[in-house]
């Protein structure tokens, strides 16, 4: 039987930590950066943990379920 393919879009956007959590980058860090404060830009650089109903959908895209 062939291998199950992972969604190409999902594997570019999400990372799995060593403990199995799924992280994603925060939004609003792509353009119009000159209008945002340095502290806001630093905060947006940090990763976010995926929670709630989104987690199950993302696990399915990444073939974890």
PDB file of N, CA and C in Angstrom:
ATOM      1  N   UNK A   1       0.846  -1.184   0.000  1.00  0.00           N
ATOM      2  CA  UNK A   1       0.000   0.000   0.000  1.00  0.00           C
ATOM      3  C   UNK A   1       0.887   1.242   0.000  1.00  0.00           C
ATOM      4  N   UNK A   2       0.543   2.273  -0.790  1.00  0.00           N
ATOM      5  CA  UNK A   2       1.400   3.464  -0.843  1.00  0.00           C
ATOM      6  C   UNK A   2       1.343   4.274   0.451  1.00  0.00           C
ATOM      7  N   UNK A   3       2.371   5.087   0.631  1.00  0.00           N
ATOM      8  CA  UNK A   3       2.426   5.949   1.807  1.00  0.00           C
ATOM      9  C   UNK A   3       1.339   7.003   1.741  1.00  0.00           C
ATOM     10  N   UNK A   4       0.862   7.432   2.897  1.00  0.00           N
ATOM     11  CA  UNK A   4      -0.115   8.524   2.975  1.00  0.00           C
ATOM     12  C   UNK A   4       0.644   9.837   2.765  1.00  0.00           C
ATOM     13  N   UNK A   5       0.116  10.695   1.912  1.00  0.00           N
ATOM     14  CA  UNK A   5       0.785  11.968   1.655  1.00  0.00           C
ATOM     15  C   UNK A   5       0.345  13.021   2.664  1.00  0.00           C
ATOM     16  N   UNK A   6       1.311  13.822   3.107  1.00  0.00           N
ATOM     17  CA  UNK A   6       1.050  14.942   4.007  1.00  0.00           C
ATOM     18  C   UNK A   6       0.720  16.158   3.150  1.00  0.00           C
ATOM     19  N   UNK A   7      -0.172  17.002   3.632  1.00  0.00           N
ATOM     20  CA  UNK A   7      -0.517  18.229   2.913  1.00  0.00           C
ATOM     21  C   UNK A   7       0.716  19.127   2.812  1.00  0.00           C
ATOM     22  N   UNK A   8       1.085  19.506   1.585  1.00  0.00           N
ATOM     23  CA  UNK A   8       2.262  20.354   1.382  1.00  0.00           C
ATOM     24  C   UNK A   8       2.101  21.705   2.051  1.00  0.00           C
ATOM     25  N   UNK A   9       0.897  22.260   1.997  1.00  0.00           N
ATOM     26  CA  UNK A   9       0.639  23.568   2.622  1.00  0.00           C
ATOM     27  C   UNK A   9       0.813  23.475   4.135  1.00  0.00           C
ATOM     28  N   UNK A  10       0.309  22.391   4.728  1.00  0.00           N
ATOM     29  CA  UNK A  10       0.376  22.238   6.181  1.00  0.00           C
ATOM     30  C   UNK A  10       1.803  22.028   6.667  1.00  0.00           C
ATOM     31  N   UNK A  11       2.595  21.244   5.916  1.00  0.00           N
ATOM     32  CA  UNK A  11       3.952  20.983   6.406  1.00  0.00           C
ATOM     33  C   UNK A  11       4.828  22.225   6.345  1.00  0.00           C
ATOM     34  N   UNK A  12       4.468  23.201   5.486  1.00  0.00           N
ATOM     35  CA  UNK A  12       5.210  24.457   5.432  1.00  0.00           C
ATOM     36  C   UNK A  12       4.815  25.410   6.561  1.00  0.00           C
ATOM     37  N   UNK A  13       3.609  25.266   7.070  1.00  0.00           N
ATOM     38  CA  UNK A  13       3.073  26.229   8.036  1.00  0.00           C
ATOM     39  C   UNK A  13       3.174  25.791   9.497  1.00  0.00           C
ATOM     40  N   UNK A  14       3.217  24.500   9.745  1.00  0.00           N
ATOM     41  CA  UNK A  14       3.166  23.992  11.110  1.00  0.00           C
ATOM     42  C   UNK A  14       4.391  23.155  11.431  1.00  0.00           C
ATOM     43  N   UNK A  15       4.801  23.205  12.706  1.00  0.00           N
ATOM     44  CA  UNK A  15       5.923  22.402  13.187  1.00  0.00           C
ATOM     45  C   UNK A  15       5.448  21.598  14.391  1.00  0.00           C
ATOM     46  N   UNK A  16       6.031  20.418  14.565  1.00  0.00           N
ATOM     47  CA  UNK A  16       5.700  19.580  15.711  1.00  0.00           C
ATOM     48  C   UNK A  16       6.870  19.619  16.679  1.00  0.00           C
ATOM     49  N   UNK A  17       6.593  19.942  17.937  1.00  0.00           N
ATOM     50  CA  UNK A  17       7.644  20.028  18.945  1.00  0.00           C
ATOM     51  C   UNK A  17       8.032  18.633  19.404  1.00  0.00           C
ATOM     52  N   UNK A  18       9.075  18.549  20.203  1.00  0.00           N
ATOM     53  CA  UNK A  18       9.535  17.272  20.713  1.00  0.00           C
ATOM     54  C   UNK A  18       8.515  16.587  21.599  1.00  0.00           C
ATOM     55  N   UNK A  19       7.664  17.361  22.248  1.00  0.00           N
ATOM     56  CA  UNK A  19       6.637  16.780  23.126  1.00  0.00           C
ATOM     57  C   UNK A  19       5.341  16.496  22.384  1.00  0.00           C
ATOM     58  N   UNK A  20       5.316  16.778  21.077  1.00  0.00           N
ATOM     59  CA  UNK A  20       4.138  16.446  20.284  1.00  0.00           C
ATOM     60  C   UNK A  20       3.148  17.576  20.077  1.00  0.00           C
ATOM     61  N   UNK A  21       3.468  18.761  20.575  1.00  0.00           N
ATOM     62  CA  UNK A  21       2.574  19.903  20.368  1.00  0.00           C
ATOM     63  C   UNK A  21       2.760  20.440  18.946  1.00  0.00           C
ATOM     64  N   UNK A  22       1.716  21.070  18.421  1.00  0.00           N
ATOM     65  CA  UNK A  22       1.784  21.661  17.088  1.00  0.00           C
ATOM     66  C   UNK A  22       1.878  23.172  17.258  1.00  0.00           C
ATOM     67  N   UNK A  23       2.879  23.779  16.611  1.00  0.00           N
ATOM     68  CA  UNK A  23       3.044  25.231  16.693  1.00  0.00           C
ATOM     69  C   UNK A  23       2.882  25.857  15.325  1.00  0.00           C
ATOM     70  N   UNK A  24       2.525  27.140  15.333  1.00  0.00           N
ATOM     71  CA  UNK A  24       2.365  27.899  14.092  1.00  0.00           C
ATOM     72  C   UNK A  24       2.863  29.310  14.325  1.00  0.00           C
ATOM     73  N   UNK A  25       3.308  29.991  13.257  1.00  0.00           N
ATOM     74  CA  UNK A  25       3.721  31.387  13.433  1.00  0.00           C
ATOM     75  C   UNK A  25       2.524  32.283  13.642  1.00  0.00           C
ATOM     76  N   UNK A  26       2.725  33.409  14.328  1.00  0.00           N
ATOM     77  CA  UNK A  26       1.643  34.373  14.530  1.00  0.00           C
ATOM     78  C   UNK A  26       1.410  35.175  13.261  1.00  0.00           C
ATOM     79  N   UNK A  27       0.205  35.677  13.125  1.00  0.00           N
ATOM     80  CA  UNK A  27      -0.168  36.450  11.943  1.00  0.00           C
ATOM     81  C   UNK A  27       0.357  37.889  12.052  1.00  0.00           C
ATOM     82  N   UNK A  28       0.279  38.638  10.969  1.00  0.00           N
ATOM     83  CA  UNK A  28       0.605  40.067  10.902  1.00  0.00           C
ATOM     84  C   UNK A  28       2.089  40.374  11.010  1.00  0.00           C
ATOM     85  N   UNK A  29       2.956  39.472  10.554  1.00  0.00           N
ATOM     86  CA  UNK A  29       4.401  39.705  10.628  1.00  0.00           C
ATOM     87  C   UNK A  29       5.017  39.727   9.227  1.00  0.00           C
ATOM     88  N   UNK A  30       4.206  40.011   8.197  1.00  0.00           N
ATOM     89  CA  UNK A  30       4.693  39.907   6.828  1.00  0.00           C
ATOM     90  C   UNK A  30       4.983  41.266   6.207  1.00  0.00           C
ATOM     91  N   UNK A  31       4.062  42.208   6.312  1.00  0.00           N
ATOM     92  CA  UNK A  31       4.277  43.503   5.652  1.00  0.00           C
ATOM     93  C   UNK A  31       3.772  44.639   6.528  1.00  0.00           C
ATOM     94  N   UNK A  32       4.034  45.857   6.089  1.00  0.00           N
ATOM     95  CA  UNK A  32       3.715  47.083   6.847  1.00  0.00           C
ATOM     96  C   UNK A  32       4.402  47.085   8.209  1.00  0.00           C
ATOM     97  N   UNK A  33       5.659  46.629   8.228  1.00  0.00           N
ATOM     98  CA  UNK A  33       6.370  46.502   9.493  1.00  0.00           C
ATOM     99  C   UNK A  33       6.863  47.845  10.020  1.00  0.00           C
ATOM    100  N   UNK A  34       6.981  48.843   9.145  1.00  0.00           N
ATOM    101  CA  UNK A  34       7.475  50.129   9.627  1.00  0.00           C
ATOM    102  C   UNK A  34       6.451  50.841  10.512  1.00  0.00           C
ATOM    103  N   UNK A  35       5.198  50.389  10.473  1.00  0.00           N
ATOM    104  CA  UNK A  35       4.157  51.010  11.291  1.00  0.00           C
ATOM    105  C   UNK A  35       3.964  50.299  12.624  1.00  0.00           C
ATOM    106  N   UNK A  36       4.630  49.175  12.801  1.00  0.00           N
ATOM    107  CA  UNK A  36       4.471  48.398  14.023  1.00  0.00           C
ATOM    108  C   UNK A  36       5.662  48.640  14.934  1.00  0.00           C
ATOM    109  N   UNK A  37       5.399  48.653  16.236  1.00  0.00           N
ATOM    110  CA  UNK A  37       6.465  48.907  17.198  1.00  0.00           C
ATOM    111  C   UNK A  37       7.411  47.702  17.256  1.00  0.00           C
ATOM    112  N   UNK A  38       8.627  47.954  17.710  1.00  0.00           N
ATOM    113  CA  UNK A  38       9.630  46.896  17.802  1.00  0.00           C
ATOM    114  C   UNK A  38       9.177  45.794  18.748  1.00  0.00           C
ATOM    115  N   UNK A  39       8.557  46.177  19.864  1.00  0.00           N
ATOM    116  CA  UNK A  39       8.110  45.168  20.825  1.00  0.00           C
ATOM    117  C   UNK A  39       6.997  44.308  20.227  1.00  0.00           C
ATOM    118  N   UNK A  40       6.129  44.931  19.438  1.00  0.00           N
ATOM    119  CA  UNK A  40       5.056  44.173  18.785  1.00  0.00           C
ATOM    120  C   UNK A  40       5.629  43.191  17.771  1.00  0.00           C
ATOM    121  N   UNK A  41       6.639  43.646  17.002  1.00  0.00           N
ATOM    122  CA  UNK A  41       7.256  42.770  16.007  1.00  0.00           C
ATOM    123  C   UNK A  41       7.973  41.599  16.673  1.00  0.00           C
ATOM    124  N   UNK A  42       8.635  41.848  17.803  1.00  0.00           N
ATOM    125  CA  UNK A  42       9.302  40.765  18.530  1.00  0.00           C
ATOM    126  C   UNK A  42       8.278  39.752  19.050  1.00  0.00           C
ATOM    127  N   UNK A  43       7.171  40.263  19.558  1.00  0.00           N
ATOM    128  CA  UNK A  43       6.123  39.383  20.066  1.00  0.00           C
ATOM    129  C   UNK A  43       5.533  38.518  18.946  1.00  0.00           C
ATOM    130  N   UNK A  44       5.391  39.106  17.757  1.00  0.00           N
ATOM    131  CA  UNK A  44       4.831  38.378  16.622  1.00  0.00           C
ATOM    132  C   UNK A  44       5.807  37.335  16.079  1.00  0.00           C
ATOM    133  N   UNK A  45       7.098  37.440  16.418  1.00  0.00           N
ATOM    134  CA  UNK A  45       8.100  36.474  15.974  1.00  0.00           C
ATOM    135  C   UNK A  45       7.951  35.122  16.670  1.00  0.00           C
ATOM    136  N   UNK A  46       7.355  35.125  17.869  1.00  0.00           N
ATOM    137  CA  UNK A  46       7.260  33.904  18.652  1.00  0.00           C
ATOM    138  C   UNK A  46       6.209  32.961  18.080  1.00  0.00           C
ATOM    139  N   UNK A  47       6.388  31.691  18.315  1.00  0.00           N
ATOM    140  CA  UNK A  47       5.442  30.686  17.823  1.00  0.00           C
ATOM    141  C   UNK A  47       4.245  30.576  18.768  1.00  0.00           C
ATOM    142  N   UNK A  48       3.141  30.132  18.224  1.00  0.00           N
ATOM    143  CA  UNK A  48       1.893  29.949  18.938  1.00  0.00           C
ATOM    144  C   UNK A  48       1.550  28.475  18.933  1.00  0.00           C
ATOM    145  N   UNK A  49       1.022  27.966  20.042  1.00  0.00           N
ATOM    146  CA  UNK A  49       0.574  26.574  20.053  1.00  0.00           C
ATOM    147  C   UNK A  49      -0.840  26.498  19.483  1.00  0.00           C
ATOM    148  N   UNK A  50      -1.082  25.508  18.656  1.00  0.00           N
ATOM    149  CA  UNK A  50      -2.411  25.309  18.069  1.00  0.00           C
ATOM    150  C   UNK A  50      -3.290  24.638  19.110  1.00  0.00           C
ATOM    151  N   UNK A  51      -4.507  25.159  19.294  1.00  0.00           N
ATOM    152  CA  UNK A  51      -5.411  24.615  20.304  1.00  0.00           C
ATOM    153  C   UNK A  51      -6.812  24.465  19.730  1.00  0.00           C
ATOM    154  N   UNK A  52      -7.656  23.795  20.478  1.00  0.00           N
ATOM    155  CA  UNK A  52      -9.066  23.704  20.132  1.00  0.00           C
ATOM    156  C   UNK A  52      -9.347  22.803  18.952  1.00  0.00           C
ATOM    157  N   UNK A  53     -10.437  23.120  18.254  1.00  0.00           N
ATOM    158  CA  UNK A  53     -10.877  22.310  17.125  1.00  0.00           C
ATOM    159  C   UNK A  53      -9.922  22.356  15.966  1.00  0.00           C
ATOM    160  N   UNK A  54      -9.131  23.435  15.872  1.00  0.00           N
ATOM    161  CA  UNK A  54      -8.155  23.529  14.785  1.00  0.00           C
ATOM    162  C   UNK A  54      -7.108  22.428  14.891  1.00  0.00           C
ATOM    163  N   UNK A  55      -6.792  22.043  16.122  1.00  0.00           N
ATOM    164  CA  UNK A  55      -5.730  21.063  16.332  1.00  0.00           C
ATOM    165  C   UNK A  55      -6.062  19.742  15.646  1.00  0.00           C
ATOM    166  N   UNK A  56      -7.299  19.311  15.775  1.00  0.00           N
ATOM    167  CA  UNK A  56      -7.691  18.038  15.182  1.00  0.00           C
ATOM    168  C   UNK A  56      -7.605  18.089  13.654  1.00  0.00           C
ATOM    169  N   UNK A  57      -8.040  19.221  13.082  1.00  0.00           N
ATOM    170  CA  UNK A  57      -7.996  19.368  11.623  1.00  0.00           C
ATOM    171  C   UNK A  57      -6.552  19.371  11.118  1.00  0.00           C
ATOM    172  N   UNK A  58      -5.666  20.052  11.848  1.00  0.00           N
ATOM    173  CA  UNK A  58      -4.262  20.132  11.440  1.00  0.00           C
ATOM    174  C   UNK A  58      -3.581  18.777  11.592  1.00  0.00           C
ATOM    175  N   UNK A  59      -3.910  18.053  12.657  1.00  0.00           N
ATOM    176  CA  UNK A  59      -3.364  16.708  12.824  1.00  0.00           C
ATOM    177  C   UNK A  59      -3.757  15.826  11.639  1.00  0.00           C
ATOM    178  N   UNK A  60      -4.955  16.006  11.155  1.00  0.00           N
ATOM    179  CA  UNK A  60      -5.410  15.212  10.011  1.00  0.00           C
ATOM    180  C   UNK A  60      -4.630  15.591   8.747  1.00  0.00           C
ATOM    181  N   UNK A  61      -4.371  16.897   8.570  1.00  0.00           N
ATOM    182  CA  UNK A  61      -3.602  17.347   7.402  1.00  0.00           C
ATOM    183  C   UNK A  61      -2.158  16.828   7.460  1.00  0.00           C
ATOM    184  N   UNK A  62      -1.609  16.753   8.685  1.00  0.00           N
ATOM    185  CA  UNK A  62      -0.238  16.281   8.852  1.00  0.00           C
ATOM    186  C   UNK A  62      -0.173  14.756   9.006  1.00  0.00           C
ATOM    187  N   UNK A  63      -1.303  14.091   8.897  1.00  0.00           N
ATOM    188  CA  UNK A  63      -1.416  12.634   8.997  1.00  0.00           C
ATOM    189  C   UNK A  63      -0.935  12.115  10.352  1.00  0.00           C
ATOM    190  N   UNK A  64      -1.249  12.843  11.417  1.00  0.00           N
ATOM    191  CA  UNK A  64      -0.912  12.386  12.759  1.00  0.00           C
ATOM    192  C   UNK A  64      -2.046  11.549  13.330  1.00  0.00           C
ATOM    193  N   UNK A  65      -3.229  11.639  12.725  1.00  0.00           N
ATOM    194  CA  UNK A  65      -4.402  10.853  13.162  1.00  0.00           C
ATOM    195  C   UNK A  65      -4.858   9.961  12.056  1.00  0.00           C
TER     196      UNK A  65
END
